[in-house]
Amino acid sequence: MGDLNSAGSDFAPIVSPDGKLLFFTSDRPGGYGGQDIWMSELRDGEWSEPKNLGPDVNDQYNQGVDCYLTDDGKEFLYMTKCQSPEGMGMCDIFVSEKKPDGSWSKPKPLPEPINTKYSDANATFDYINNALYFVSTRPGGMEGEGPKKLAGESSYDIWMAERKSDGSFGTPRNLGIPVNTPGWEGVAFFHAADQTLYFSSDGHGGQGGADVFKSKRNSDGSFAKPEPVDYVNTPGNDIYLSIPAMGDVAYLSSTTGGGSGGEDLYRVPLNFLLPPELLAARSLKIPVARPEPKAGASILDTIYFSFDRSFILETEVGKLDQVVKFMNDNPQVQLEIAGHADSLGEPDYNLLLSHRRAKAVKGYLVGKGIKADRLSIAYYGEDKPAHANSPESGNRLNRRVELSIAK
């Protein structure tokens, strides 16, 4: 990846939801000691010279970027910090919030039960089911003598914790078989769009040290037997695969030969990773000329939300940016933004929830420069389901906002 790689180790690439910022971890010169988090901006199709995130985020210890999360209009960077005096164990998961000026706040550690006196690292979110996945050396994992443990290194497993409506987390559970092994499962990325967990492991066989595998989450929360992602695996260590919400490439890091240093950053075409139907869903077909849209016409796929939440999901940002383009190309158009909810909970609460969802979408569009007087809000609670609701689980397809040309 050109000038992004250095003679040192460069790994853990994460792209912001709008596709304009790339965060990664590096021990290159110019940092504050050990591994730091660096950032590059996309300019005219090329990534700029990386910049260190600075002393508010980085310090003399090791820190690395995990994931980028949008939540109720706010933006957060999750990261792993090791040997930090503010942590509970050798490594802990921290979170930093983006400030209005674009800088990042001093990271704060997540409380128990996520962080423990053991090592906890590499957070990734399932935005649909409101779950946090991470790796940990805590008791209750898959015991064994894998290659990492025999070499004196910590042997991680992948764990999952549900996030509650108040933002706290439930008790983590080990994913167990078939995902975890007595070996090392050290890095995970959850692709919410197709409910697939991508992770690196040296316990499932493969071409080299740690290889990338994928496992589909079933509707009951269990996971299918992992399959190797053959296109990205090499005789070296292949880790930190991530799929951005926008663009046509994924990113990962690898120690395969031919790079600039120890670990290097690599691009992977998405058509080698995702099925055709998912690739088609990422390519929204919105007219860019100046049509004469008819009142009441829907202009794009529905914007979906997590259960009991009104924040814009990372998976939906690309859709809304296409709406911004559509509105800029068609300055005469006015939109109706209609919020909806499923049937779980009280009807009055769901009405307010659908209102918050509509306001979140309007706020995003206004923040991108669309005038507020071109956007009207409607909200219906659970009264206009697009699909049948289940008494036990509602229906995630009803947690939505629909946009149409205003009459």
Protein backbone atom coordinates (compact mmCIF):
# COMPACT_ATOMS: atom_id res chain seq x y z
CA MET A 1 0.00 0.00 0.00
CA GLY A 2 2.59 2.48 -1.12
CA ASP A 3 3.83 5.06 1.35
CA LEU A 4 1.61 3.77 4.17
CA ASN A 5 4.04 0.96 4.93
CA SER A 6 7.35 1.51 6.69
CA ALA A 7 10.44 -0.46 7.66
CA GLY A 8 8.70 -1.24 10.96
CA SER A 9 5.48 -3.11 11.67
CA ASP A 10 2.29 -1.65 10.16
CA PHE A 11 -0.96 -3.48 10.89
CA ALA A 12 -4.62 -3.37 12.00
CA PRO A 13 -6.08 -1.17 9.20
CA ILE A 14 -9.52 0.32 9.96
CA VAL A 15 -11.43 2.67 7.62
CA SER A 16 -13.97 5.23 8.91
CA PRO A 17 -17.64 4.77 7.89
CA ASP A 18 -17.44 7.54 5.27
CA GLY A 19 -14.37 5.91 3.70
CA LYS A 20 -12.20 9.01 4.08
CA LEU A 21 -9.95 8.09 7.01
CA LEU A 22 -7.66 5.09 7.45
CA PHE A 23 -6.39 4.25 10.94
CA PHE A 24 -3.65 1.71 11.57
CA THR A 25 -1.04 0.69 14.13
CA SER A 26 2.71 1.15 13.65
CA ASP A 27 5.99 1.26 15.54
CA ARG A 28 7.58 3.52 12.90
CA PRO A 29 9.78 6.45 13.97
CA GLY A 30 7.98 9.62 15.04
CA GLY A 31 5.75 8.02 17.64
CA TYR A 32 5.72 8.18 21.42
CA GLY A 33 7.27 4.80 22.09
CA GLY A 34 6.28 1.26 21.16
CA GLN A 35 3.23 0.93 18.92
CA ASP A 36 1.08 3.99 18.16
CA ILE A 37 -2.10 4.69 16.21
CA TRP A 38 -1.63 6.59 12.95
CA MET A 39 -4.11 8.10 10.51
CA SER A 40 -4.17 8.79 6.76
CA GLU A 41 -6.76 10.79 4.75
CA LEU A 42 -8.10 9.86 1.33
CA ARG A 43 -7.27 12.69 -1.10
CA ASP A 44 -7.97 12.42 -4.82
CA GLY A 45 -8.09 8.64 -4.56
CA GLU A 46 -4.77 8.31 -2.69
CA TRP A 47 -3.96 7.92 0.99
CA SER A 48 -2.01 10.85 2.41
CA GLU A 49 1.21 10.73 4.41
CA PRO A 50 0.24 9.14 7.77
CA LYS A 51 0.04 11.32 10.88
CA ASN A 52 0.36 10.22 14.48
CA LEU A 53 -2.87 10.74 16.45
CA GLY A 54 -0.87 12.57 19.08
CA PRO A 55 -0.28 12.43 22.84
CA ASP A 56 -3.96 12.54 23.81
CA VAL A 57 -4.33 9.04 22.32
CA ASN A 58 -0.79 7.63 22.14
CA ASP A 59 1.73 7.30 24.96
CA GLN A 60 4.97 5.47 25.77
CA TYR A 61 3.13 2.15 25.98
CA ASN A 62 1.67 0.03 23.16
CA GLN A 63 -1.71 0.88 21.66
CA GLY A 64 -3.47 -0.30 18.53
CA VAL A 65 -6.70 0.55 16.75
CA ASP A 66 -9.62 -1.93 16.93
CA CYS A 67 -12.72 -0.47 15.27
CA TYR A 68 -14.60 2.75 14.44
CA LEU A 69 -18.13 3.09 15.82
CA THR A 70 -20.90 5.64 15.22
CA ASP A 71 -23.45 5.84 18.03
CA ASP A 72 -26.34 8.36 18.28
CA GLY A 73 -24.53 10.90 16.14
CA LYS A 74 -21.22 10.54 17.95
CA GLU A 75 -18.06 8.83 16.67
CA PHE A 76 -15.84 6.55 18.70
CA LEU A 77 -12.52 4.83 18.16
CA TYR A 78 -12.06 1.57 20.04
CA MET A 79 -8.48 0.55 20.69
CA THR A 80 -6.33 -1.87 22.65
CA LYS A 81 -3.77 -0.43 25.07
CA CYS A 82 -1.19 -2.69 26.68
CA GLN A 83 0.74 -2.07 29.91
CA SER A 84 -1.30 1.06 30.55
CA PRO A 85 -1.42 2.11 34.21
CA GLU A 86 -5.13 2.87 33.70
CA GLY A 87 -5.90 -0.68 32.60
CA MET A 88 -6.78 -3.77 34.59
CA GLY A 89 -4.59 -6.38 32.88
CA MET A 90 -1.69 -6.70 30.48
CA CYS A 91 -3.90 -5.45 27.62
CA ASP A 92 -7.28 -3.72 27.84
CA ILE A 93 -9.92 -2.28 25.52
CA PHE A 94 -10.23 1.53 25.58
CA VAL A 95 -12.51 3.97 23.77
CA SER A 96 -11.89 7.53 22.52
CA GLU A 97 -14.56 9.98 21.30
CA LYS A 98 -14.11 12.29 18.32
CA LYS A 99 -14.22 15.96 19.30
CA PRO A 100 -15.91 18.72 17.25
CA ASP A 101 -12.50 19.91 16.01
CA GLY A 102 -11.71 16.44 14.62
CA SER A 103 -9.22 15.46 17.33
CA TRP A 104 -9.73 12.51 19.68
CA SER A 105 -10.30 12.51 23.43
CA LYS A 106 -8.10 10.76 25.96
CA PRO A 107 -9.05 7.06 25.80
CA LYS A 108 -11.00 5.55 28.68
CA PRO A 109 -10.94 1.84 29.57
CA LEU A 110 -14.12 -0.20 29.30
CA PRO A 111 -15.27 -1.44 32.71
CA GLU A 112 -15.79 -5.00 33.82
CA PRO A 113 -16.96 -7.44 32.62
CA ILE A 114 -15.18 -6.55 29.36
CA ASN A 115 -11.78 -5.69 30.82
CA THR A 116 -10.31 -8.01 33.44
CA LYS A 117 -6.98 -8.70 35.14
CA TYR A 118 -6.21 -10.88 32.11
CA SER A 119 -5.54 -9.62 28.58
CA ASP A 120 -8.55 -8.32 26.64
CA ALA A 121 -8.13 -6.89 23.16
CA ASN A 122 -9.31 -6.29 19.58
CA ALA A 123 -12.92 -5.15 19.85
CA THR A 124 -15.36 -5.43 16.91
CA PHE A 125 -19.13 -4.78 16.76
CA ASP A 126 -22.15 -6.55 15.35
CA TYR A 127 -24.34 -3.49 14.72
CA ILE A 128 -27.42 -5.54 13.91
CA ASN A 129 -27.53 -7.64 17.08
CA ASN A 130 -25.84 -5.06 19.32
CA ALA A 131 -22.97 -7.35 20.34
CA LEU A 132 -19.30 -6.78 21.05
CA TYR A 133 -16.76 -9.39 19.98
CA PHE A 134 -13.24 -9.34 21.42
CA VAL A 135 -10.38 -11.67 22.32
CA SER A 136 -9.25 -12.56 25.81
CA THR A 137 -6.95 -14.82 27.81
CA ARG A 138 -9.44 -15.00 30.72
CA PRO A 139 -10.35 -18.39 32.25
CA GLY A 140 -13.05 -20.39 30.50
CA GLY A 141 -11.37 -20.52 27.13
CA MET A 142 -10.30 -23.48 25.04
CA GLU A 143 -7.44 -24.94 27.02
CA GLY A 144 -4.56 -26.53 25.15
CA GLU A 145 -0.97 -26.33 24.03
CA GLY A 146 -1.17 -24.44 20.77
CA PRO A 147 1.88 -22.97 18.96
CA LYS A 148 1.56 -19.58 20.67
CA LYS A 149 1.35 -21.05 24.16
CA LEU A 150 4.29 -23.37 23.53
CA ALA A 151 6.29 -20.30 22.46
CA GLY A 152 5.48 -18.58 25.77
CA GLU A 153 2.88 -16.24 24.30
CA SER A 154 -0.68 -15.71 25.50
CA SER A 155 -3.26 -17.94 23.84
CA TYR A 156 -6.35 -15.89 23.03
CA ASP A 157 -9.93 -16.99 22.39
CA ILE A 158 -12.81 -15.01 20.86
CA TRP A 159 -15.55 -13.89 23.26
CA MET A 160 -18.87 -12.09 22.80
CA ALA A 161 -20.91 -9.77 25.05
CA GLU A 162 -24.32 -8.26 24.32
CA ARG A 163 -24.66 -4.49 24.70
CA LYS A 164 -27.70 -3.46 26.72
CA SER A 165 -30.00 -0.51 25.99
CA ASP A 166 -28.23 1.57 28.67
CA GLY A 167 -24.85 1.05 26.96
CA SER A 168 -23.48 -1.45 29.48
CA PHE A 169 -22.43 -4.97 28.55
CA GLY A 170 -23.70 -8.35 29.67
CA THR A 171 -21.52 -11.22 30.84
CA PRO A 172 -19.17 -12.28 28.02
CA ARG A 173 -19.38 -15.83 26.71
CA ASN A 174 -16.69 -17.81 24.95
CA LEU A 175 -17.69 -18.64 21.36
CA GLY A 176 -16.38 -22.16 21.87
CA ILE A 177 -16.38 -24.81 19.19
CA PRO A 178 -16.27 -24.57 16.18
CA VAL A 179 -14.69 -21.06 16.21
CA ASN A 180 -12.19 -21.36 19.05
CA THR A 181 -9.51 -24.05 19.29
CA PRO A 182 -6.73 -24.95 21.77
CA GLY A 183 -4.57 -22.78 19.55
CA TRP A 184 -4.59 -18.98 19.10
CA GLU A 185 -7.62 -17.04 17.88
CA GLY A 186 -6.23 -13.55 18.27
CA VAL A 187 -8.04 -11.06 16.02
CA ALA A 188 -11.67 -10.83 14.93
CA PHE A 189 -13.71 -8.59 12.61
CA PHE A 190 -17.50 -8.91 12.44
CA HIS A 191 -19.06 -7.98 9.09
CA ALA A 192 -22.61 -7.15 10.12
CA ALA A 193 -24.02 -6.90 6.59
CA ASP A 194 -23.83 -10.65 6.04
CA GLN A 195 -23.42 -11.68 9.71
CA THR A 196 -19.98 -13.17 9.15
CA LEU A 197 -17.10 -13.31 11.61
CA TYR A 198 -13.64 -13.03 10.04
CA PHE A 199 -10.81 -14.00 12.37
CA SER A 200 -7.18 -15.09 12.44
CA SER A 201 -6.13 -18.40 13.94
CA ASP A 202 -3.23 -20.83 14.05
CA GLY A 203 -5.48 -23.61 15.35
CA HIS A 204 -7.54 -24.44 12.25
CA GLY A 205 -4.70 -25.49 9.96
CA GLY A 206 -3.91 -23.36 6.93
CA GLN A 207 -1.01 -22.19 4.85
CA GLY A 208 1.28 -20.72 7.48
CA GLY A 209 1.35 -19.24 10.97
CA ALA A 210 -1.93 -17.42 11.52
CA ASP A 211 -4.43 -17.56 8.66
CA VAL A 212 -7.74 -15.78 8.09
CA PHE A 213 -10.96 -17.77 8.48
CA LYS A 214 -14.64 -16.89 8.26
CA SER A 215 -17.68 -18.25 10.07
CA LYS A 216 -21.33 -17.36 9.47
CA ARG A 217 -23.47 -16.43 12.48
CA ASN A 218 -26.67 -18.46 12.52
CA SER A 219 -30.04 -16.99 13.52
CA ASP A 220 -29.81 -18.68 16.93
CA GLY A 221 -26.45 -17.04 17.67
CA SER A 222 -24.33 -20.11 16.97
CA PHE A 223 -21.58 -20.15 14.35
CA ALA A 224 -20.97 -22.34 11.32
CA LYS A 225 -17.80 -24.34 10.82
CA PRO A 226 -14.99 -21.88 9.89
CA GLU A 227 -13.70 -21.82 6.33
CA PRO A 228 -10.28 -20.50 5.27
CA VAL A 229 -10.26 -17.28 3.26
CA ASP A 230 -7.81 -18.76 0.79
CA TYR A 231 -7.31 -15.64 -1.33
CA VAL A 232 -5.62 -13.72 1.50
CA ASN A 233 -3.73 -16.51 3.26
CA THR A 234 0.03 -16.96 2.80
CA PRO A 235 2.86 -18.90 4.49
CA GLY A 236 3.30 -15.88 6.79
CA ASN A 237 0.95 -14.47 9.46
CA ASP A 238 -2.22 -13.01 7.92
CA ILE A 239 -4.26 -10.98 10.40
CA TYR A 240 -6.52 -7.96 10.95
CA LEU A 241 -8.80 -8.37 7.94
CA SER A 242 -11.40 -5.56 7.88
CA ILE A 243 -14.15 -4.68 5.40
CA PRO A 244 -15.02 -0.95 5.22
CA ALA A 245 -18.62 0.23 4.92
CA MET A 246 -17.71 2.00 1.66
CA GLY A 247 -15.40 1.27 -1.25
CA ASP A 248 -14.54 -1.82 -3.24
CA VAL A 249 -11.53 -3.11 -1.29
CA ALA A 250 -10.90 -4.69 2.11
CA TYR A 251 -7.69 -4.33 4.12
CA LEU A 252 -5.47 -6.63 6.13
CA SER A 253 -1.90 -6.97 7.38
CA SER A 254 0.53 -9.78 6.68
CA THR A 255 4.13 -10.85 7.21
CA THR A 256 4.30 -12.39 3.76
CA GLY A 257 7.51 -11.63 1.86
CA GLY A 258 7.92 -8.65 -0.43
CA GLY A 259 6.74 -5.96 1.97
CA SER A 260 8.50 -2.99 3.51
CA GLY A 261 9.05 -4.31 7.00
CA GLY A 262 7.78 -6.85 9.52
CA GLU A 263 4.02 -6.60 9.08
CA ASP A 264 2.65 -4.57 6.18
CA LEU A 265 -0.75 -3.29 5.06
CA TYR A 266 -2.42 -4.85 2.00
CA ARG A 267 -5.55 -4.22 -0.08
CA VAL A 268 -7.91 -7.02 -1.10
CA PRO A 269 -10.59 -6.65 -3.84
CA LEU A 270 -14.01 -7.21 -2.29
CA ASN A 271 -15.17 -9.41 -5.15
CA PHE A 272 -12.75 -12.04 -3.84
CA LEU A 273 -14.40 -11.97 -0.41
CA LEU A 274 -18.11 -11.15 -0.65
CA PRO A 275 -20.88 -12.94 -2.55
CA PRO A 276 -22.31 -11.26 -5.68
CA GLU A 277 -25.63 -10.37 -4.03
CA LEU A 278 -23.87 -8.50 -1.23
CA LEU A 279 -21.60 -6.69 -3.67
CA ALA A 280 -24.69 -5.61 -5.60
CA ALA A 281 -26.31 -4.33 -2.41
CA ARG A 282 -23.28 -2.13 -1.73
CA SER A 283 -23.62 -0.48 -5.15
CA LEU A 284 -26.70 1.69 -4.81
CA LYS A 285 -28.28 2.71 -8.08
CA ILE A 286 -29.39 6.30 -7.48
CA PRO A 287 -29.74 8.62 -10.49
CA VAL A 288 -27.06 11.29 -10.71
CA ALA A 289 -28.60 13.28 -13.57
CA ARG A 290 -31.46 15.78 -13.00
CA PRO A 291 -34.57 13.61 -13.34
CA GLU A 292 -38.02 14.78 -12.54
CA PRO A 293 -38.79 12.55 -9.55
CA LYS A 294 -42.42 11.79 -8.81
CA ALA A 295 -43.89 12.59 -5.41
CA GLY A 296 -43.99 9.57 -3.14
CA ALA A 297 -41.24 7.72 -5.02
CA SER A 298 -38.74 5.86 -2.87
CA ILE A 299 -35.18 6.87 -3.75
CA LEU A 300 -33.06 4.16 -2.12
CA ASP A 301 -32.97 1.11 0.09
CA THR A 302 -34.25 1.43 3.63
CA ILE A 303 -31.98 2.71 6.41
CA TYR A 304 -31.88 0.08 9.18
CA PHE A 305 -31.21 0.43 12.90
CA SER A 306 -30.18 -1.79 15.80
CA PHE A 307 -32.74 -2.92 18.35
CA ASP A 308 -33.86 -0.05 20.62
CA ARG A 309 -31.30 2.30 19.02
CA SER A 310 -31.45 5.45 16.94
CA PHE A 311 -27.79 5.92 16.01
CA ILE A 312 -26.69 5.65 12.38
CA LEU A 313 -25.08 2.29 11.79
CA GLU A 314 -21.74 2.14 10.03
CA THR A 315 -23.33 -0.14 7.44
CA GLU A 316 -25.87 2.56 6.52
CA VAL A 317 -23.53 5.55 6.17
CA GLY A 318 -22.76 4.80 2.53
CA LYS A 319 -26.47 4.84 1.70
CA LEU A 320 -26.96 8.23 3.31
CA ASP A 321 -23.95 9.68 1.52
CA GLN A 322 -25.58 8.61 -1.73
CA VAL A 323 -28.73 10.45 -0.63
CA VAL A 324 -26.61 13.56 -0.08
CA LYS A 325 -25.31 13.25 -3.64
CA PHE A 326 -28.83 12.77 -4.96
CA MET A 327 -30.07 15.88 -3.13
CA ASN A 328 -27.15 17.97 -4.37
CA ASP A 329 -27.78 16.80 -7.94
CA ASN A 330 -31.50 17.52 -7.63
CA PRO A 331 -31.85 20.82 -5.72
CA GLN A 332 -35.60 21.02 -6.38
CA VAL A 333 -36.32 17.77 -4.52
CA GLN A 334 -37.72 17.64 -0.99
CA LEU A 335 -37.60 14.47 1.08
CA GLU A 336 -39.91 12.89 3.61
CA ILE A 337 -38.03 10.95 6.28
CA ALA A 338 -40.31 8.35 7.89
CA GLY A 339 -39.26 6.57 11.08
CA HIS A 340 -40.53 3.12 12.11
CA ALA A 341 -40.04 0.57 14.90
CA ASP A 342 -40.81 -3.09 15.49
CA SER A 343 -43.45 -4.30 17.95
CA LEU A 344 -41.24 -5.00 20.96
CA GLY A 345 -41.89 -2.68 23.90
CA GLU A 346 -44.75 -0.29 24.59
CA PRO A 347 -46.42 1.47 21.62
CA ASP A 348 -45.81 4.94 23.06
CA TYR A 349 -42.11 4.21 23.50
CA ASN A 350 -41.85 2.83 19.98
CA LEU A 351 -43.47 5.99 18.62
CA LEU A 352 -40.78 8.10 20.31
CA LEU A 353 -38.08 5.69 19.12
CA SER A 354 -39.25 6.01 15.51
CA HIS A 355 -39.15 9.81 15.90
CA ARG A 356 -35.57 9.67 17.16
CA ARG A 357 -34.56 7.52 14.20
CA ALA A 358 -36.09 9.97 11.73
CA LYS A 359 -34.36 12.87 13.49
CA ALA A 360 -31.02 11.03 13.37
CA VAL A 361 -31.28 10.65 9.60
CA LYS A 362 -32.32 14.28 9.15
CA GLY A 363 -29.46 15.41 11.39
CA TYR A 364 -26.96 13.42 9.33
CA LEU A 365 -28.20 14.94 6.05
CA VAL A 366 -28.21 18.47 7.47
CA GLY A 367 -24.68 17.89 8.78
CA LYS A 368 -23.64 17.07 5.21
CA GLY A 369 -24.96 20.40 3.93
CA ILE A 370 -28.57 19.61 2.94
CA LYS A 371 -30.86 22.46 4.00
CA ALA A 372 -33.27 21.52 6.77
CA ASP A 373 -36.25 23.09 4.97
CA ARG A 374 -35.90 20.44 2.23
CA LEU A 375 -36.42 17.63 4.78
CA SER A 376 -39.65 16.75 6.56
CA ILE A 377 -40.11 14.13 9.27
CA ALA A 378 -42.87 11.59 9.83
CA TYR A 379 -42.90 8.84 12.45
CA TYR A 380 -45.22 5.89 12.90
CA GLY A 381 -43.87 3.74 15.70
CA GLU A 382 -44.93 0.13 15.19
CA ASP A 383 -48.09 0.98 13.21
CA LYS A 384 -46.72 0.44 9.68
CA PRO A 385 -44.60 -2.74 9.70
CA ALA A 386 -42.92 -3.64 6.44
CA HIS A 387 -42.73 -7.29 7.55
CA ALA A 388 -44.54 -9.47 10.06
CA ASN A 389 -43.33 -9.01 13.63
CA SER A 390 -42.57 -11.88 16.00
CA PRO A 391 -43.92 -11.53 19.59
CA GLU A 392 -40.56 -12.68 20.94
CA SER A 393 -38.06 -10.89 18.67
CA GLY A 394 -40.02 -8.31 16.68
CA ASN A 395 -38.42 -8.04 13.24
CA ARG A 396 -35.11 -6.30 12.55
CA LEU A 397 -36.40 -5.27 9.11
CA ASN A 398 -38.99 -3.04 10.79
CA ARG A 399 -36.34 -1.05 12.69
CA ARG A 400 -36.02 1.38 9.85
CA VAL A 401 -36.29 4.79 8.24
CA GLU A 402 -37.74 5.15 4.75
CA LEU A 403 -36.95 8.13 2.50
CA SER A 404 -39.27 9.25 -0.29
CA ILE A 405 -39.88 12.28 -2.47
CA ALA A 406 -42.15 14.62 -0.53
CA LYS A 407 -45.57 15.33 -2.04
